[in-house]
Amino acid sequence: EIGLNWTGYIIDHAPAPLLSVQPTLEMRDRYVLQRVNPMLEACD
């Protein structure tokens, strides 16, 4: 959640290139689907 809040903060308030790394590409896909996308959709 700390990482997700920082991601939202960067996109909205401090725009710059951001790299978010999960252990594997498979875990990356789950992370984006289950955590990142719901946050982006829920926050106007």
ModelCIF file with pLDDT and N, C-alpha, C, O atoms, coordinates in Angstrom:
data_MODEL
#
_entry.id   MODEL 
#
_entity.id                         1 
_entity.type                       polymer 
_entity.pdbx_number_of_molecules   1 
#
_entity_poly.entity_id                      1 
_entity_poly.type                           'polypeptide(L)' 
_entity_poly.nstd_linkage                   no 
_entity_poly.nstd_monomer                   no 
_entity_poly.pdbx_seq_one_letter_code       EIGLNWTGYIIDHAPAPLLSVQPTLEMRDRYVLQRVNPMLEACD 
_entity_poly.pdbx_seq_one_letter_code_can   EIGLNWTGYIIDHAPAPLLSVQPTLEMRDRYVLQRVNPMLEACD 
_entity_poly.pdbx_strand_id                 A 
#
loop_
_entity_poly_seq.entity_id 
_entity_poly_seq.num 
_entity_poly_seq.mon_id 
_entity_poly_seq.hetero 
1 1  GLU n 
1 2  ILE n 
1 3  GLY n 
1 4  LEU n 
1 5  ASN n 
1 6  TRP n 
1 7  THR n 
1 8  GLY n 
1 9  TYR n 
1 10 ILE n 
1 11 ILE n 
1 12 ASP n 
1 13 HIS n 
1 14 ALA n 
1 15 PRO n 
1 16 ALA n 
1 17 PRO n 
1 18 LEU n 
1 19 LEU n 
1 20 SER n 
1 21 VAL n 
1 22 GLN n 
1 23 PRO n 
1 24 THR n 
1 25 LEU n 
1 26 GLU n 
1 27 MET n 
1 28 ARG n 
1 29 ASP n 
1 30 ARG n 
1 31 TYR n 
1 32 VAL n 
1 33 LEU n 
1 34 GLN n 
1 35 ARG n 
1 36 VAL n 
1 37 ASN n 
1 38 PRO n 
1 39 MET n 
1 40 LEU n 
1 41 GLU n 
1 42 ALA n 
1 43 CYS n 
1 44 ASP n 
#
_struct_asym.id          A 
_struct_asym.entity_id   1 
#
loop_
_ma_qa_metric.id 
_ma_qa_metric.mode 
_ma_qa_metric.name 
_ma_qa_metric.software_group_id 
_ma_qa_metric.type 
1 global pLDDT . pLDDT 
2 local  pLDDT . pLDDT 
#
_ma_qa_metric_global.metric_id      1 
_ma_qa_metric_global.metric_value   95.41 
_ma_qa_metric_global.model_id       1 
_ma_qa_metric_global.ordinal_id     1 
#
loop_
_ma_qa_metric_local.label_asym_id 
_ma_qa_metric_local.label_comp_id 
_ma_qa_metric_local.label_seq_id 
_ma_qa_metric_local.metric_id 
_ma_qa_metric_local.metric_value 
_ma_qa_metric_local.model_id 
_ma_qa_metric_local.ordinal_id 
A GLU 1  2 95.00 1 1  
A ILE 2  2 97.00 1 2  
A GLY 3  2 97.00 1 3  
A LEU 4  2 97.00 1 4  
A ASN 5  2 98.00 1 5  
A TRP 6  2 98.00 1 6  
A THR 7  2 98.00 1 7  
A GLY 8  2 98.00 1 8  
A TYR 9  2 98.00 1 9  
A ILE 10 2 98.00 1 10 
A ILE 11 2 97.00 1 11 
A ASP 12 2 97.00 1 12 
A HIS 13 2 97.00 1 13 
A ALA 14 2 96.00 1 14 
A PRO 15 2 96.00 1 15 
A ALA 16 2 95.00 1 16 
A PRO 17 2 94.00 1 17 
A LEU 18 2 96.00 1 18 
A LEU 19 2 95.00 1 19 
A SER 20 2 96.00 1 20 
A VAL 21 2 94.00 1 21 
A GLN 22 2 95.00 1 22 
A PRO 23 2 94.00 1 23 
A THR 24 2 94.00 1 24 
A LEU 25 2 93.00 1 25 
A GLU 26 2 94.00 1 26 
A MET 27 2 95.00 1 27 
A ARG 28 2 95.00 1 28 
A ASP 29 2 95.00 1 29 
A ARG 30 2 95.00 1 30 
A TYR 31 2 95.00 1 31 
A VAL 32 2 95.00 1 32 
A LEU 33 2 94.00 1 33 
A GLN 34 2 94.00 1 34 
A ARG 35 2 94.00 1 35 
A VAL 36 2 96.00 1 36 
A ASN 37 2 94.00 1 37 
A PRO 38 2 94.00 1 38 
A MET 39 2 95.00 1 39 
A LEU 40 2 95.00 1 40 
A GLU 41 2 93.00 1 41 
A ALA 42 2 94.00 1 42 
A CYS 43 2 95.00 1 43 
A ASP 44 2 93.00 1 44 
#
loop_
_atom_site.group_PDB 
_atom_site.id 
_atom_site.type_symbol 
_atom_site.label_atom_id 
_atom_site.label_alt_id 
_atom_site.label_comp_id 
_atom_site.label_asym_id 
_atom_site.label_entity_id 
_atom_site.label_seq_id 
_atom_site.pdbx_PDB_ins_code 
_atom_site.Cartn_x 
_atom_site.Cartn_y 
_atom_site.Cartn_z 
_atom_site.occupancy 
_atom_site.B_iso_or_equiv 
_atom_site.pdbx_formal_charge 
_atom_site.auth_seq_id 
_atom_site.auth_comp_id 
_atom_site.auth_asym_id 
_atom_site.auth_atom_id 
_atom_site.pdbx_PDB_model_num 
ATOM 1   N N  . GLU A 1 1  ? 0.822   -1.204  0.000   1.00 95.00 ? 1  GLU A N  1 
ATOM 2   C CA . GLU A 1 1  ? 0.000   0.000   0.000   1.00 95.00 ? 1  GLU A CA 1 
ATOM 3   C C  . GLU A 1 1  ? 0.861   1.262   0.000   1.00 95.00 ? 1  GLU A C  1 
ATOM 4   O O  . GLU A 1 1  ? 0.488   2.262   -0.615  1.00 95.00 ? 1  GLU A O  1 
ATOM 5   N N  . ILE A 1 2  ? 1.996   1.230   0.674   1.00 97.00 ? 2  ILE A N  1 
ATOM 6   C CA . ILE A 1 2  ? 2.906   2.379   0.652   1.00 97.00 ? 2  ILE A CA 1 
ATOM 7   C C  . ILE A 1 2  ? 3.372   2.621   -0.780  1.00 97.00 ? 2  ILE A C  1 
ATOM 8   O O  . ILE A 1 2  ? 3.411   3.763   -1.238  1.00 97.00 ? 2  ILE A O  1 
ATOM 9   N N  . GLY A 1 3  ? 3.728   1.543   -1.491  1.00 97.00 ? 3  GLY A N  1 
ATOM 10  C CA . GLY A 1 3  ? 4.145   1.683   -2.879  1.00 97.00 ? 3  GLY A CA 1 
ATOM 11  C C  . GLY A 1 3  ? 3.026   2.180   -3.779  1.00 97.00 ? 3  GLY A C  1 
ATOM 12  O O  . GLY A 1 3  ? 3.264   2.997   -4.668  1.00 97.00 ? 3  GLY A O  1 
ATOM 13  N N  . LEU A 1 4  ? 1.796   1.693   -3.558  1.00 97.00 ? 4  LEU A N  1 
ATOM 14  C CA . LEU A 1 4  ? 0.663   2.139   -4.358  1.00 97.00 ? 4  LEU A CA 1 
ATOM 15  C C  . LEU A 1 4  ? 0.348   3.614   -4.110  1.00 97.00 ? 4  LEU A C  1 
ATOM 16  O O  . LEU A 1 4  ? 0.070   4.354   -5.053  1.00 97.00 ? 4  LEU A O  1 
ATOM 17  N N  . ASN A 1 5  ? 0.389   4.044   -2.853  1.00 98.00 ? 5  ASN A N  1 
ATOM 18  C CA . ASN A 1 5  ? 0.138   5.453   -2.552  1.00 98.00 ? 5  ASN A CA 1 
ATOM 19  C C  . ASN A 1 5  ? 1.193   6.348   -3.191  1.00 98.00 ? 5  ASN A C  1 
ATOM 20  O O  . ASN A 1 5  ? 0.879   7.428   -3.690  1.00 98.00 ? 5  ASN A O  1 
ATOM 21  N N  . TRP A 1 6  ? 2.431   5.899   -3.174  1.00 98.00 ? 6  TRP A N  1 
ATOM 22  C CA . TRP A 1 6  ? 3.495   6.689   -3.811  1.00 98.00 ? 6  TRP A CA 1 
ATOM 23  C C  . TRP A 1 6  ? 3.288   6.743   -5.327  1.00 98.00 ? 6  TRP A C  1 
ATOM 24  O O  . TRP A 1 6  ? 3.517   7.779   -5.952  1.00 98.00 ? 6  TRP A O  1 
ATOM 25  N N  . THR A 1 7  ? 2.854   5.626   -5.912  1.00 98.00 ? 7  THR A N  1 
ATOM 26  C CA . THR A 1 7  ? 2.571   5.600   -7.348  1.00 98.00 ? 7  THR A CA 1 
ATOM 27  C C  . THR A 1 7  ? 1.497   6.622   -7.700  1.00 98.00 ? 7  THR A C  1 
ATOM 28  O O  . THR A 1 7  ? 1.667   7.396   -8.642  1.00 98.00 ? 7  THR A O  1 
ATOM 29  N N  . GLY A 1 8  ? 0.389   6.635   -6.950  1.00 98.00 ? 8  GLY A N  1 
ATOM 30  C CA . GLY A 1 8  ? -0.667  7.609   -7.203  1.00 98.00 ? 8  GLY A CA 1 
ATOM 31  C C  . GLY A 1 8  ? -0.185  9.040   -7.030  1.00 98.00 ? 8  GLY A C  1 
ATOM 32  O O  . GLY A 1 8  ? -0.540  9.918   -7.817  1.00 98.00 ? 8  GLY A O  1 
ATOM 33  N N  . TYR A 1 9  ? 0.620   9.277   -6.005  1.00 98.00 ? 9  TYR A N  1 
ATOM 34  C CA . TYR A 1 9  ? 1.181   10.607  -5.728  1.00 98.00 ? 9  TYR A CA 1 
ATOM 35  C C  . TYR A 1 9  ? 2.037   11.081  -6.895  1.00 98.00 ? 9  TYR A C  1 
ATOM 36  O O  . TYR A 1 9  ? 1.941   12.237  -7.308  1.00 98.00 ? 9  TYR A O  1 
ATOM 37  N N  . ILE A 1 10 ? 2.875   10.191  -7.428  1.00 98.00 ? 10 ILE A N  1 
ATOM 38  C CA . ILE A 1 10 ? 3.738   10.561  -8.555  1.00 98.00 ? 10 ILE A CA 1 
ATOM 39  C C  . ILE A 1 10 ? 2.899   10.921  -9.777  1.00 98.00 ? 10 ILE A C  1 
ATOM 40  O O  . ILE A 1 10 ? 3.132   11.949  -10.412 1.00 98.00 ? 10 ILE A O  1 
ATOM 41  N N  . ILE A 1 11 ? 1.930   10.080  -10.106 1.00 97.00 ? 11 ILE A N  1 
ATOM 42  C CA . ILE A 1 11 ? 1.097   10.328  -11.290 1.00 97.00 ? 11 ILE A CA 1 
ATOM 43  C C  . ILE A 1 11 ? 0.354   11.649  -11.171 1.00 97.00 ? 11 ILE A C  1 
ATOM 44  O O  . ILE A 1 11 ? 0.265   12.397  -12.146 1.00 97.00 ? 11 ILE A O  1 
ATOM 45  N N  . ASP A 1 12 ? -0.178  11.946  -10.000 1.00 97.00 ? 12 ASP A N  1 
ATOM 46  C CA . ASP A 1 12 ? -1.042  13.113  -9.821  1.00 97.00 ? 12 ASP A CA 1 
ATOM 47  C C  . ASP A 1 12 ? -0.298  14.378  -9.439  1.00 97.00 ? 12 ASP A C  1 
ATOM 48  O O  . ASP A 1 12 ? -0.693  15.472  -9.841  1.00 97.00 ? 12 ASP A O  1 
ATOM 49  N N  . HIS A 1 13 ? 0.781   14.248  -8.663  1.00 97.00 ? 13 HIS A N  1 
ATOM 50  C CA . HIS A 1 13 ? 1.390   15.438  -8.063  1.00 97.00 ? 13 HIS A CA 1 
ATOM 51  C C  . HIS A 1 13 ? 2.851   15.666  -8.460  1.00 97.00 ? 13 HIS A C  1 
ATOM 52  O O  . HIS A 1 13 ? 3.288   16.816  -8.509  1.00 97.00 ? 13 HIS A O  1 
ATOM 53  N N  . ALA A 1 14 ? 3.601   14.638  -8.738  1.00 96.00 ? 14 ALA A N  1 
ATOM 54  C CA . ALA A 1 14 ? 5.033   14.782  -9.026  1.00 96.00 ? 14 ALA A CA 1 
ATOM 55  C C  . ALA A 1 14 ? 5.410   13.958  -10.255 1.00 96.00 ? 14 ALA A C  1 
ATOM 56  O O  . ALA A 1 14 ? 6.232   13.048  -10.149 1.00 96.00 ? 14 ALA A O  1 
ATOM 57  N N  . PRO A 1 15 ? 4.829   14.253  -11.415 1.00 96.00 ? 15 PRO A N  1 
ATOM 58  C CA . PRO A 1 15 ? 5.015   13.398  -12.595 1.00 96.00 ? 15 PRO A CA 1 
ATOM 59  C C  . PRO A 1 15 ? 6.476   13.272  -13.027 1.00 96.00 ? 15 PRO A C  1 
ATOM 60  O O  . PRO A 1 15 ? 7.199   14.263  -13.133 1.00 96.00 ? 15 PRO A O  1 
ATOM 61  N N  . ALA A 1 16 ? 6.887   12.040  -13.272 1.00 95.00 ? 16 ALA A N  1 
ATOM 62  C CA . ALA A 1 16 ? 8.240   11.708  -13.718 1.00 95.00 ? 16 ALA A CA 1 
ATOM 63  C C  . ALA A 1 16 ? 8.235   10.223  -14.065 1.00 95.00 ? 16 ALA A C  1 
ATOM 64  O O  . ALA A 1 16 ? 7.283   9.525   -13.717 1.00 95.00 ? 16 ALA A O  1 
ATOM 65  N N  . PRO A 1 17 ? 9.255   9.725   -14.731 1.00 94.00 ? 17 PRO A N  1 
ATOM 66  C CA . PRO A 1 17 ? 9.311   8.289   -15.023 1.00 94.00 ? 17 PRO A CA 1 
ATOM 67  C C  . PRO A 1 17 ? 9.413   7.459   -13.744 1.00 94.00 ? 17 PRO A C  1 
ATOM 68  O O  . PRO A 1 17 ? 10.231  7.742   -12.868 1.00 94.00 ? 17 PRO A O  1 
ATOM 69  N N  . LEU A 1 18 ? 8.566   6.426   -13.652 1.00 96.00 ? 18 LEU A N  1 
ATOM 70  C CA . LEU A 1 18 ? 8.521   5.525   -12.493 1.00 96.00 ? 18 LEU A CA 1 
ATOM 71  C C  . LEU A 1 18 ? 8.688   4.088   -12.971 1.00 96.00 ? 18 LEU A C  1 
ATOM 72  O O  . LEU A 1 18 ? 8.054   3.677   -13.943 1.00 96.00 ? 18 LEU A O  1 
ATOM 73  N N  . LEU A 1 19 ? 9.528   3.335   -12.301 1.00 95.00 ? 19 LEU A N  1 
ATOM 74  C CA . LEU A 1 19 ? 9.683   1.900   -12.551 1.00 95.00 ? 19 LEU A CA 1 
ATOM 75  C C  . LEU A 1 19 ? 9.233   1.146   -11.311 1.00 95.00 ? 19 LEU A C  1 
ATOM 76  O O  . LEU A 1 19 ? 9.716   1.415   -10.211 1.00 95.00 ? 19 LEU A O  1 
ATOM 77  N N  . SER A 1 20 ? 8.309   0.202   -11.482 1.00 96.00 ? 20 SER A N  1 
ATOM 78  C CA . SER A 1 20 ? 7.825   -0.632  -10.376 1.00 96.00 ? 20 SER A CA 1 
ATOM 79  C C  . SER A 1 20 ? 8.151   -2.082  -10.714 1.00 96.00 ? 20 SER A C  1 
ATOM 80  O O  . SER A 1 20 ? 7.681   -2.607  -11.724 1.00 96.00 ? 20 SER A O  1 
ATOM 81  N N  . VAL A 1 21 ? 8.956   -2.733  -9.868  1.00 94.00 ? 21 VAL A N  1 
ATOM 82  C CA . VAL A 1 21 ? 9.484   -4.061  -10.183 1.00 94.00 ? 21 VAL A CA 1 
ATOM 83  C C  . VAL A 1 21 ? 8.955   -5.090  -9.203  1.00 94.00 ? 21 VAL A C  1 
ATOM 84  O O  . VAL A 1 21 ? 9.105   -4.946  -7.990  1.00 94.00 ? 21 VAL A O  1 
ATOM 85  N N  . GLN A 1 22 ? 8.330   -6.137  -9.742  1.00 95.00 ? 22 GLN A N  1 
ATOM 86  C CA . GLN A 1 22 ? 7.906   -7.309  -8.981  1.00 95.00 ? 22 GLN A CA 1 
ATOM 87  C C  . GLN A 1 22 ? 8.924   -8.436  -9.213  1.00 95.00 ? 22 GLN A C  1 
ATOM 88  O O  . GLN A 1 22 ? 9.723   -8.344  -10.145 1.00 95.00 ? 22 GLN A O  1 
ATOM 89  N N  . PRO A 1 23 ? 8.917   -9.483  -8.399  1.00 94.00 ? 23 PRO A N  1 
ATOM 90  C CA . PRO A 1 23 ? 9.916   -10.557 -8.576  1.00 94.00 ? 23 PRO A CA 1 
ATOM 91  C C  . PRO A 1 23 ? 9.894   -11.201 -9.961  1.00 94.00 ? 23 PRO A C  1 
ATOM 92  O O  . PRO A 1 23 ? 10.954  -11.509 -10.505 1.00 94.00 ? 23 PRO A O  1 
ATOM 93  N N  . THR A 1 24 ? 8.712   -11.412 -10.545 1.00 94.00 ? 24 THR A N  1 
ATOM 94  C CA . THR A 1 24 ? 8.620   -12.060 -11.855 1.00 94.00 ? 24 THR A CA 1 
ATOM 95  C C  . THR A 1 24 ? 7.588   -11.316 -12.704 1.00 94.00 ? 24 THR A C  1 
ATOM 96  O O  . THR A 1 24 ? 6.791   -10.530 -12.192 1.00 94.00 ? 24 THR A O  1 
ATOM 97  N N  . LEU A 1 25 ? 7.620   -11.580 -14.011 1.00 93.00 ? 25 LEU A N  1 
ATOM 98  C CA . LEU A 1 25 ? 6.632   -10.983 -14.911 1.00 93.00 ? 25 LEU A CA 1 
ATOM 99  C C  . LEU A 1 25 ? 5.228   -11.474 -14.599 1.00 93.00 ? 25 LEU A C  1 
ATOM 100 O O  . LEU A 1 25 ? 4.260   -10.728 -14.747 1.00 93.00 ? 25 LEU A O  1 
ATOM 101 N N  . GLU A 1 26 ? 5.110   -12.736 -14.164 1.00 94.00 ? 26 GLU A N  1 
ATOM 102 C CA . GLU A 1 26 ? 3.799   -13.269 -13.799 1.00 94.00 ? 26 GLU A CA 1 
ATOM 103 C C  . GLU A 1 26 ? 3.236   -12.523 -12.588 1.00 94.00 ? 26 GLU A C  1 
ATOM 104 O O  . GLU A 1 26 ? 2.054   -12.179 -12.567 1.00 94.00 ? 26 GLU A O  1 
ATOM 105 N N  . MET A 1 27 ? 4.076   -12.272 -11.579 1.00 95.00 ? 27 MET A N  1 
ATOM 106 C CA . MET A 1 27 ? 3.625   -11.516 -10.416 1.00 95.00 ? 27 MET A CA 1 
ATOM 107 C C  . MET A 1 27 ? 3.327   -10.072 -10.798 1.00 95.00 ? 27 MET A C  1 
ATOM 108 O O  . MET A 1 27 ? 2.425   -9.454  -10.233 1.00 95.00 ? 27 MET A O  1 
ATOM 109 N N  . ARG A 1 28 ? 4.076   -9.532  -11.752 1.00 95.00 ? 28 ARG A N  1 
ATOM 110 C CA . ARG A 1 28 ? 3.789   -8.190  -12.265 1.00 95.00 ? 28 ARG A CA 1 
ATOM 111 C C  . ARG A 1 28 ? 2.378   -8.115  -12.830 1.00 95.00 ? 28 ARG A C  1 
ATOM 112 O O  . ARG A 1 28 ? 1.636   -7.174  -12.549 1.00 95.00 ? 28 ARG A O  1 
ATOM 113 N N  . ASP A 1 29 ? 2.013   -9.118  -13.633 1.00 95.00 ? 29 ASP A N  1 
ATOM 114 C CA . ASP A 1 29 ? 0.682   -9.121  -14.243 1.00 95.00 ? 29 ASP A CA 1 
ATOM 115 C C  . ASP A 1 29 ? -0.412  -9.140  -13.179 1.00 95.00 ? 29 ASP A C  1 
ATOM 116 O O  . ASP A 1 29 ? -1.401  -8.417  -13.296 1.00 95.00 ? 29 ASP A O  1 
ATOM 117 N N  . ARG A 1 30 ? -0.242  -9.963  -12.138 1.00 95.00 ? 30 ARG A N  1 
ATOM 118 C CA . ARG A 1 30 ? -1.237  -10.037 -11.066 1.00 95.00 ? 30 ARG A CA 1 
ATOM 119 C C  . ARG A 1 30 ? -1.297  -8.714  -10.292 1.00 95.00 ? 30 ARG A C  1 
ATOM 120 O O  . ARG A 1 30 ? -2.374  -8.239  -9.932  1.00 95.00 ? 30 ARG A O  1 
ATOM 121 N N  . TYR A 1 31 ? -0.142  -8.145  -10.050 1.00 95.00 ? 31 TYR A N  1 
ATOM 122 C CA . TYR A 1 31 ? -0.067  -6.878  -9.302  1.00 95.00 ? 31 TYR A CA 1 
ATOM 123 C C  . TYR A 1 31 ? -0.803  -5.765  -10.054 1.00 95.00 ? 31 TYR A C  1 
ATOM 124 O O  . TYR A 1 31 ? -1.578  -5.019  -9.455  1.00 95.00 ? 31 TYR A O  1 
ATOM 125 N N  . VAL A 1 32 ? -0.567  -5.654  -11.341 1.00 95.00 ? 32 VAL A N  1 
ATOM 126 C CA . VAL A 1 32 ? -1.227  -4.609  -12.128 1.00 95.00 ? 32 VAL A CA 1 
ATOM 127 C C  . VAL A 1 32 ? -2.738  -4.854  -12.171 1.00 95.00 ? 32 VAL A C  1 
ATOM 128 O O  . VAL A 1 32 ? -3.526  -3.920  -12.018 1.00 95.00 ? 32 VAL A O  1 
ATOM 129 N N  . LEU A 1 33 ? -3.136  -6.112  -12.379 1.00 94.00 ? 33 LEU A N  1 
ATOM 130 C CA . LEU A 1 33 ? -4.558  -6.436  -12.499 1.00 94.00 ? 33 LEU A CA 1 
ATOM 131 C C  . LEU A 1 33 ? -5.303  -6.266  -11.185 1.00 94.00 ? 33 LEU A C  1 
ATOM 132 O O  . LEU A 1 33 ? -6.405  -5.719  -11.166 1.00 94.00 ? 33 LEU A O  1 
ATOM 133 N N  . GLN A 1 34 ? -4.710  -6.734  -10.076 1.00 94.00 ? 34 GLN A N  1 
ATOM 134 C CA . GLN A 1 34 ? -5.425  -6.769  -8.801  1.00 94.00 ? 34 GLN A CA 1 
ATOM 135 C C  . GLN A 1 34 ? -5.210  -5.525  -7.944  1.00 94.00 ? 34 GLN A C  1 
ATOM 136 O O  . GLN A 1 34 ? -6.062  -5.196  -7.119  1.00 94.00 ? 34 GLN A O  1 
ATOM 137 N N  . ARG A 1 35 ? -4.094  -4.831  -8.124  1.00 94.00 ? 35 ARG A N  1 
ATOM 138 C CA . ARG A 1 35 ? -3.798  -3.711  -7.231  1.00 94.00 ? 35 ARG A CA 1 
ATOM 139 C C  . ARG A 1 35 ? -3.750  -2.363  -7.957  1.00 94.00 ? 35 ARG A C  1 
ATOM 140 O O  . ARG A 1 35 ? -4.403  -1.408  -7.537  1.00 94.00 ? 35 ARG A O  1 
ATOM 141 N N  . VAL A 1 36 ? -2.981  -2.288  -9.042  1.00 96.00 ? 36 VAL A N  1 
ATOM 142 C CA . VAL A 1 36 ? -2.781  -0.999  -9.703  1.00 96.00 ? 36 VAL A CA 1 
ATOM 143 C C  . VAL A 1 36 ? -4.036  -0.540  -10.436 1.00 96.00 ? 36 VAL A C  1 
ATOM 144 O O  . VAL A 1 36 ? -4.505  0.577   -10.217 1.00 96.00 ? 36 VAL A O  1 
ATOM 145 N N  . ASN A 1 37 ? -4.580  -1.382  -11.298 1.00 94.00 ? 37 ASN A N  1 
ATOM 146 C CA . ASN A 1 37 ? -5.746  -0.976  -12.086 1.00 94.00 ? 37 ASN A CA 1 
ATOM 147 C C  . ASN A 1 37 ? -6.939  -0.572  -11.223 1.00 94.00 ? 37 ASN A C  1 
ATOM 148 O O  . ASN A 1 37 ? -7.563  0.450   -11.507 1.00 94.00 ? 37 ASN A O  1 
ATOM 149 N N  . PRO A 1 38 ? -7.289  -1.347  -10.158 1.00 94.00 ? 38 PRO A N  1 
ATOM 150 C CA . PRO A 1 38 ? -8.399  -0.897  -9.302  1.00 94.00 ? 38 PRO A CA 1 
ATOM 151 C C  . PRO A 1 38 ? -8.150  0.470   -8.676  1.00 94.00 ? 38 PRO A C  1 
ATOM 152 O O  . PRO A 1 38 ? -9.082  1.264   -8.546  1.00 94.00 ? 38 PRO A O  1 
ATOM 153 N N  . MET A 1 39 ? -6.894  0.761   -8.279  1.00 95.00 ? 39 MET A N  1 
ATOM 154 C CA . MET A 1 39 ? -6.598  2.071   -7.710  1.00 95.00 ? 39 MET A CA 1 
ATOM 155 C C  . MET A 1 39 ? -6.774  3.168   -8.753  1.00 95.00 ? 39 MET A C  1 
ATOM 156 O O  . MET A 1 39 ? -7.375  4.203   -8.466  1.00 95.00 ? 39 MET A O  1 
ATOM 157 N N  . LEU A 1 40 ? -6.260  2.952   -9.954  1.00 95.00 ? 40 LEU A N  1 
ATOM 158 C CA . LEU A 1 40 ? -6.365  3.964   -11.001 1.00 95.00 ? 40 LEU A CA 1 
ATOM 159 C C  . LEU A 1 40 ? -7.820  4.226   -11.380 1.00 95.00 ? 40 LEU A C  1 
ATOM 160 O O  . LEU A 1 40 ? -8.198  5.366   -11.650 1.00 95.00 ? 40 LEU A O  1 
ATOM 161 N N  . GLU A 1 41 ? -8.636  3.174   -11.399 1.00 93.00 ? 41 GLU A N  1 
ATOM 162 C CA . GLU A 1 41 ? -10.038 3.333   -11.774 1.00 93.00 ? 41 GLU A CA 1 
ATOM 163 C C  . GLU A 1 41 ? -10.852 4.009   -10.676 1.00 93.00 ? 41 GLU A C  1 
ATOM 164 O O  . GLU A 1 41 ? -11.786 4.755   -10.971 1.00 93.00 ? 41 GLU A O  1 
ATOM 165 N N  . ALA A 1 42 ? -10.509 3.755   -9.406  1.00 94.00 ? 42 ALA A N  1 
ATOM 166 C CA . ALA A 1 42 ? -11.304 4.262   -8.287  1.00 94.00 ? 42 ALA A CA 1 
ATOM 167 C C  . ALA A 1 42 ? -11.006 5.721   -7.960  1.00 94.00 ? 42 ALA A C  1 
ATOM 168 O O  . ALA A 1 42 ? -11.862 6.417   -7.414  1.00 94.00 ? 42 ALA A O  1 
ATOM 169 N N  . CYS A 1 43 ? -9.804  6.194   -8.284  1.00 95.00 ? 43 CYS A N  1 
ATOM 170 C CA . CYS A 1 43 ? -9.399  7.561   -7.939  1.00 95.00 ? 43 CYS A CA 1 
ATOM 171 C C  . CYS A 1 43 ? -9.592  8.461   -9.159  1.00 95.00 ? 43 CYS A C  1 
ATOM 172 O O  . CYS A 1 43 ? -8.884  8.307   -10.155 1.00 95.00 ? 43 CYS A O  1 
ATOM 173 N N  . ASP A 1 44 ? -10.532 9.388   -9.095  1.00 93.00 ? 44 ASP A N  1 
ATOM 174 C CA . ASP A 1 44 ? -10.838 10.240  -10.242 1.00 93.00 ? 44 ASP A CA 1 
ATOM 175 C C  . ASP A 1 44 ? -9.619  10.985  -10.767 1.00 93.00 ? 44 ASP A C  1 
ATOM 176 O O  . ASP A 1 44 ? -9.725  11.741  -11.732 1.00 93.00 ? 44 ASP A O  1 
#
